[in-house]
C-alpha atoms as a PDB file:
ATOM      1  CA  MET A   1     123.090  55.341-155.874  1.00  0.00           C
ATOM      2  CA  THR A   2     119.730  54.798-157.531  1.00  0.00           C
ATOM      3  CA  GLY A   3     116.549  53.730-155.819  1.00  0.00           C
ATOM      4  CA  PHE A   4     114.939  50.355-156.105  1.00  0.00           C
ATOM      5  CA  ASP A   5     112.094  49.727-158.530  1.00  0.00           C
ATOM      6  CA  TRP A   6     109.728  48.389-155.867  1.00  0.00           C
ATOM      7  CA  PRO A   7     106.914  47.387-158.265  1.00  0.00           C
ATOM      8  CA  GLN A   8     109.409  45.297-160.257  1.00  0.00           C
ATOM      9  CA  MET A   9     110.929  43.862-157.061  1.00  0.00           C
ATOM     10  CA  MET A  10     107.438  42.851-155.907  1.00  0.00           C
ATOM     11  CA  ARG A  11     106.680  41.180-159.259  1.00  0.00           C
ATOM     12  CA  VAL A  12     109.902  39.175-159.052  1.00  0.00           C
ATOM     13  CA  GLY A  13     109.433  38.269-155.401  1.00  0.00           C
ATOM     14  CA  LEU A  14     105.740  37.455-155.404  1.00  0.00           C
ATOM     15  CA  HIS A  15     105.328  35.930-158.867  1.00  0.00           C
ATOM     16  CA  HIS A  16     108.668  34.563-160.053  1.00  0.00           C
ATOM     17  CA  LEU A  17     110.086  33.484-156.678  1.00  0.00           C
ATOM     18  CA  ARG A  18     106.609  32.635-155.343  1.00  0.00           C
ATOM     19  CA  LEU A  19     107.208  34.285-152.001  1.00  0.00           C
ATOM     20  CA  ARG A  20     104.302  35.061-149.702  1.00  0.00           C
ATOM     21  CA  PRO A  21     103.878  38.790-148.950  1.00  0.00           C
ATOM     22  CA  ASP A  22     105.218  38.367-145.404  1.00  0.00           C
ATOM     23  CA  GLU A  23     108.284  36.545-146.762  1.00  0.00           C
ATOM     24  CA  PHE A  24     108.862  39.262-149.362  1.00  0.00           C
ATOM     25  CA  TRP A  25     108.675  42.127-146.862  1.00  0.00           C
ATOM     26  CA  ALA A  26     110.957  40.273-144.413  1.00  0.00           C
ATOM     27  CA  LEU A  27     113.789  40.377-146.975  1.00  0.00           C
ATOM     28  CA  THR A  28     116.247  43.242-147.198  1.00  0.00           C
ATOM     29  CA  PRO A  29     117.082  44.827-150.569  1.00  0.00           C
ATOM     30  CA  LEU A  30     120.599  43.363-150.365  1.00  0.00           C
ATOM     31  CA  GLU A  31     119.146  39.844-150.287  1.00  0.00           C
ATOM     32  CA  PHE A  32     117.813  40.408-153.817  1.00  0.00           C
ATOM     33  CA  LEU A  33     121.241  41.233-155.236  1.00  0.00           C
END
């Protein structure tokens, strides 16, 4: 299993999905899949 690319995940969550930081950090990695 490979690790997550957190900088990329943050770009997607915060910029493309327009999540607030607290919303982003409340998600689990599986919710991005």
